[in-house]
Amino acid sequence: MDRRDLISALEGYAPASPEEAASLDRIRRFVAAPGDPFVRANPEGHVTGSAVVARPDGSAFLLVHHRKLRRWLQPGGHTDSTDASVYDAALREAREETGISRFGVPIADAILDVDVHAIPAHGNDPAHSHFDVRYLLTSQETVHAENAEDPARPMRWMTLDEARSRGADASLLRALEKARAILSGERESQAEAR
């Protein structure tokens, strides 16, 4: 995977909040530093790709319960040597985790959100950071039965309010709110009002 494409995408990305601006700054510095930012062997952490999977109108989001972290998250994970980009990693992870094979791409491969978060030590993996780049995908599909009933990876469609009531963290809620605004046309309505 070529870091130059990611550096270019990050340079053109505008964060939505001071918290996201801090994550963006950390990701930019991490990706530009010596060493491979994509490999899991990097002791500081690695770049991950994730997807906010939404209904096309932004009314609900498909969240996966992460058993190690014990919280609801968007599908996503580590980059793989077969991925051409972080976007491709996010798309692959969304397919693998949800069983959905086809997604809509309302903003193509543009970045939706970025977040740096700490991952606690687990087994042989030491504590490290995930430098997460998030993208927006849409789907009308229901979750396939074999995925929905997997006790190791429960998932469900949730409204923004349901995600909030189930303890979604501030960075995920920020990404969901951005996705809803894009898909519901709120941004166009706000732009037209100005």
Foldseek 3Di string as FASTA:
>chain_A
DDLVVVLVLLVPDDADDPQQVVLSVVLNVLSPDPDHQQDCPPLQGHEKEAEFEAALLLFKTKWKQQPVVRATDTFITGDDPPAPDNLSRRLVRNCVQQVDNDWAALPNSRFLGWHKDWDPDDDPRHIHIYGYTYGYIYDPDDGDPVNCPPPNMHMDIGGLVRNVVRPDDPRRSVSSVSNNCVSNVVVVVVVVVD
